Amino acid sequence: MPKRNVNRKQRVSDLIQNSLAEIIHSEAKDSRFGMITITGVDVAPDLTYAKVYVSVLDEAKAKETVAALNNAAKYFRYSLAQAVDLRITPQLKFVYDDSIVRGNRINSLINDALKDDKEE
């Protein structure tokens, strides 16, 4: 039985991620929202709360963009409720996902180390 719950939770997360990405890019009027990518959605077991992870193209404005997304969360929740057929539409909390930036930094450090080894 628990395995079925996990699959449902993942399906709902994927549905929210895809639908919310479409809503943000098509309906949002704020120009900052055009430069974001939803990297993942983590839904609570009871499906009443969803943490939406976003990456921002302009890293300098990441905090400002996430704050604007959280200010518009009620609008996005309403639009999401119209777009998907769920009994409960979860509350949305947007969180900055810096994993891509950290991954790029680690990759460049590895490349620099390999380049130094080749030179020696």
C-alpha atoms as a PDB file:
ATOM      1  CA  MET A   1       0.000   0.000   0.000  1.00  0.00           C
ATOM      2  CA  PRO A   2       2.721   2.615   0.789  1.00  0.00           C
ATOM      3  CA  LYS A   3       4.281   2.102  -2.651  1.00  0.00           C
ATOM      4  CA  ARG A   4       1.037   3.203  -4.309  1.00  0.00           C
ATOM      5  CA  ASN A   5       1.044   6.415  -2.244  1.00  0.00           C
ATOM      6  CA  VAL A   6       4.601   7.208  -3.365  1.00  0.00           C
ATOM      7  CA  ASN A   7       3.649   6.725  -7.006  1.00  0.00           C
ATOM      8  CA  ARG A   8       0.610   8.972  -6.612  1.00  0.00           C
ATOM      9  CA  LYS A   9       2.693  11.611  -4.852  1.00  0.00           C
ATOM     10  CA  GLN A  10       5.228  11.534  -7.709  1.00  0.00           C
ATOM     11  CA  ARG A  11       2.491  11.721 -10.350  1.00  0.00           C
ATOM     12  CA  VAL A  12       0.909  14.706  -8.607  1.00  0.00           C
ATOM     13  CA  SER A  13       4.337  16.381  -8.298  1.00  0.00           C
ATOM     14  CA  ASP A  14       4.983  15.907 -12.011  1.00  0.00           C
ATOM     15  CA  LEU A  15       1.508  17.171 -12.906  1.00  0.00           C
ATOM     16  CA  ILE A  16       1.963  20.281 -10.765  1.00  0.00           C
ATOM     17  CA  GLN A  17       5.434  20.916 -12.183  1.00  0.00           C
ATOM     18  CA  ASN A  18       4.295  20.731 -15.802  1.00  0.00           C
ATOM     19  CA  SER A  19       1.081  22.671 -15.299  1.00  0.00           C
ATOM     20  CA  LEU A  20       2.672  25.365 -13.178  1.00  0.00           C
ATOM     21  CA  ALA A  21       5.500  25.867 -15.669  1.00  0.00           C
ATOM     22  CA  GLU A  22       2.944  26.379 -18.420  1.00  0.00           C
ATOM     23  CA  ILE A  23       0.893  28.768 -16.276  1.00  0.00           C
ATOM     24  CA  ILE A  24       3.885  30.860 -15.230  1.00  0.00           C
ATOM     25  CA  HIS A  25       5.252  31.195 -18.734  1.00  0.00           C
ATOM     26  CA  SER A  26       1.929  31.864 -20.448  1.00  0.00           C
ATOM     27  CA  GLU A  27      -0.150  33.849 -17.950  1.00  0.00           C
ATOM     28  CA  ALA A  28       2.302  35.692 -15.693  1.00  0.00           C
ATOM     29  CA  LYS A  29       2.736  39.362 -16.523  1.00  0.00           C
ATOM     30  CA  ASP A  30       5.961  39.894 -14.547  1.00  0.00           C
ATOM     31  CA  SER A  31       8.993  39.875 -16.861  1.00  0.00           C
ATOM     32  CA  ARG A  32      11.161  38.222 -14.176  1.00  0.00           C
ATOM     33  CA  PHE A  33       9.076  35.056 -14.428  1.00  0.00           C
ATOM     34  CA  GLY A  34      10.175  34.474 -18.022  1.00  0.00           C
ATOM     35  CA  MET A  35      13.697  33.703 -16.818  1.00  0.00           C
ATOM     36  CA  ILE A  36      12.870  30.854 -14.420  1.00  0.00           C
ATOM     37  CA  THR A  37      12.824  27.083 -14.669  1.00  0.00           C
ATOM     38  CA  ILE A  38      10.893  24.832 -12.340  1.00  0.00           C
ATOM     39  CA  THR A  39      13.406  22.151 -11.438  1.00  0.00           C
ATOM     40  CA  GLY A  40      11.182  20.111  -9.154  1.00  0.00           C
ATOM     41  CA  VAL A  41       8.125  19.944  -6.934  1.00  0.00           C
ATOM     42  CA  ASP A  42       7.977  18.226  -3.566  1.00  0.00           C
ATOM     43  CA  VAL A  43       4.422  17.533  -2.421  1.00  0.00           C
ATOM     44  CA  ALA A  44       3.468  16.778   1.197  1.00  0.00           C
ATOM     45  CA  PRO A  45       2.074  13.275   1.822  1.00  0.00           C
ATOM     46  CA  ASP A  46      -1.435  14.683   2.324  1.00  0.00           C
ATOM     47  CA  LEU A  47      -1.098  16.771  -0.885  1.00  0.00           C
ATOM     48  CA  THR A  48      -2.020  20.044   0.870  1.00  0.00           C
ATOM     49  CA  TYR A  49       1.382  21.687   0.508  1.00  0.00           C
ATOM     50  CA  ALA A  50       3.882  21.822  -2.353  1.00  0.00           C
ATOM     51  CA  LYS A  51       7.410  23.158  -2.327  1.00  0.00           C
ATOM     52  CA  VAL A  52       8.294  24.346  -5.837  1.00  0.00           C
ATOM     53  CA  TYR A  53      12.017  24.506  -6.628  1.00  0.00           C
ATOM     54  CA  VAL A  54      13.033  27.101  -9.211  1.00  0.00           C
ATOM     55  CA  SER A  55      16.287  28.107 -10.827  1.00  0.00           C
ATOM     56  CA  VAL A  56      16.774  31.624 -12.125  1.00  0.00           C
ATOM     57  CA  LEU A  57      18.781  32.611 -15.186  1.00  0.00           C
ATOM     58  CA  ASP A  58      19.927  35.890 -13.612  1.00  0.00           C
ATOM     59  CA  GLU A  59      21.509  34.738 -10.336  1.00  0.00           C
ATOM     60  CA  ALA A  60      21.827  38.326  -9.064  1.00  0.00           C
ATOM     61  CA  LYS A  61      18.031  38.659  -8.993  1.00  0.00           C
ATOM     62  CA  ALA A  62      17.272  35.199  -7.618  1.00  0.00           C
ATOM     63  CA  LYS A  63      16.087  36.379  -4.189  1.00  0.00           C
ATOM     64  CA  GLU A  64      13.907  39.085  -5.696  1.00  0.00           C
ATOM     65  CA  THR A  65      12.382  36.699  -8.238  1.00  0.00           C
ATOM     66  CA  VAL A  66      11.585  34.024  -5.644  1.00  0.00           C
ATOM     67  CA  ALA A  67      10.001  36.673  -3.394  1.00  0.00           C
ATOM     68  CA  ALA A  68       7.843  37.843  -6.315  1.00  0.00           C
ATOM     69  CA  LEU A  69       6.822  34.243  -7.040  1.00  0.00           C
ATOM     70  CA  ASN A  70       5.821  33.738  -3.405  1.00  0.00           C
ATOM     71  CA  ASN A  71       3.804  36.980  -3.502  1.00  0.00           C
ATOM     72  CA  ALA A  72       1.919  35.653  -6.535  1.00  0.00           C
ATOM     73  CA  ALA A  73       1.533  32.131  -5.103  1.00  0.00           C
ATOM     74  CA  LYS A  74      -2.206  32.532  -4.445  1.00  0.00           C
ATOM     75  CA  TYR A  75      -2.813  33.511  -8.071  1.00  0.00           C
ATOM     76  CA  PHE A  76      -0.757  30.536  -9.289  1.00  0.00           C
ATOM     77  CA  ARG A  77      -2.643  28.219  -6.933  1.00  0.00           C
ATOM     78  CA  TYR A  78      -5.966  29.457  -8.295  1.00  0.00           C
ATOM     79  CA  SER A  79      -4.792  29.009 -11.903  1.00  0.00           C
ATOM     80  CA  LEU A  80      -3.438  25.570 -11.050  1.00  0.00           C
ATOM     81  CA  ALA A  81      -6.813  24.578  -9.571  1.00  0.00           C
ATOM     82  CA  GLN A  82      -8.461  25.573 -12.861  1.00  0.00           C
ATOM     83  CA  ALA A  83      -5.897  23.662 -14.947  1.00  0.00           C
ATOM     84  CA  VAL A  84      -5.726  20.335 -13.094  1.00  0.00           C
ATOM     85  CA  ASP A  85      -8.373  18.068 -11.655  1.00  0.00           C
ATOM     86  CA  LEU A  86      -7.329  17.544  -8.039  1.00  0.00           C
ATOM     87  CA  ARG A  87      -9.600  17.339  -5.037  1.00  0.00           C
ATOM     88  CA  ILE A  88      -7.195  19.532  -3.054  1.00  0.00           C
ATOM     89  CA  THR A  89      -4.960  22.073  -4.741  1.00  0.00           C
ATOM     90  CA  PRO A  90      -1.843  22.408  -2.585  1.00  0.00           C
ATOM     91  CA  GLN A  91      -0.540  25.660  -1.168  1.00  0.00           C
ATOM     92  CA  LEU A  92       2.562  26.691  -3.100  1.00  0.00           C
ATOM     93  CA  LYS A  93       5.888  27.747  -1.626  1.00  0.00           C
ATOM     94  CA  PHE A  94       8.633  28.728  -4.077  1.00  0.00           C
ATOM     95  CA  VAL A  95      12.238  27.958  -3.115  1.00  0.00           C
ATOM     96  CA  TYR A  96      15.442  28.839  -4.965  1.00  0.00           C
ATOM     97  CA  ASP A  97      17.292  25.770  -6.260  1.00  0.00           C
ATOM     98  CA  ASP A  98      21.015  26.455  -6.511  1.00  0.00           C
ATOM     99  CA  SER A  99      21.996  22.903  -7.452  1.00  0.00           C
ATOM    100  CA  ILE A 100      22.703  23.869 -11.069  1.00  0.00           C
ATOM    101  CA  VAL A 101      25.040  26.681  -9.994  1.00  0.00           C
ATOM    102  CA  ARG A 102      26.815  24.406  -7.509  1.00  0.00           C
ATOM    103  CA  GLY A 103      27.118  21.683 -10.150  1.00  0.00           C
ATOM    104  CA  ASN A 104      28.642  24.098 -12.655  1.00  0.00           C
ATOM    105  CA  ARG A 105      31.109  25.338 -10.025  1.00  0.00           C
ATOM    106  CA  ILE A 106      32.170  21.788  -9.130  1.00  0.00           C
ATOM    107  CA  ASN A 107      32.494  20.927 -12.812  1.00  0.00           C
ATOM    108  CA  SER A 108      34.752  23.913 -13.444  1.00  0.00           C
ATOM    109  CA  LEU A 109      36.905  23.012 -10.416  1.00  0.00           C
ATOM    110  CA  ILE A 110      37.318  19.459 -11.730  1.00  0.00           C
ATOM    111  CA  ASN A 111      38.194  20.734 -15.197  1.00  0.00           C
ATOM    112  CA  ASP A 112      40.772  23.140 -13.714  1.00  0.00           C
ATOM    113  CA  ALA A 113      42.327  20.316 -11.686  1.00  0.00           C
ATOM    114  CA  LEU A 114      42.511  18.068 -14.755  1.00  0.00           C
ATOM    115  CA  LYS A 115      44.082  20.877 -16.781  1.00  0.00           C
ATOM    116  CA  ASP A 116      46.717  21.411 -14.068  1.00  0.00           C
ATOM    117  CA  ASP A 117      47.503  17.675 -14.043  1.00  0.00           C
ATOM    118  CA  LYS A 118      48.018  17.642 -17.821  1.00  0.00           C
ATOM    119  CA  GLU A 119      50.373  20.618 -17.626  1.00  0.00           C
ATOM    120  CA  GLU A 120      52.575  18.887 -15.014  1.00  0.00           C
END
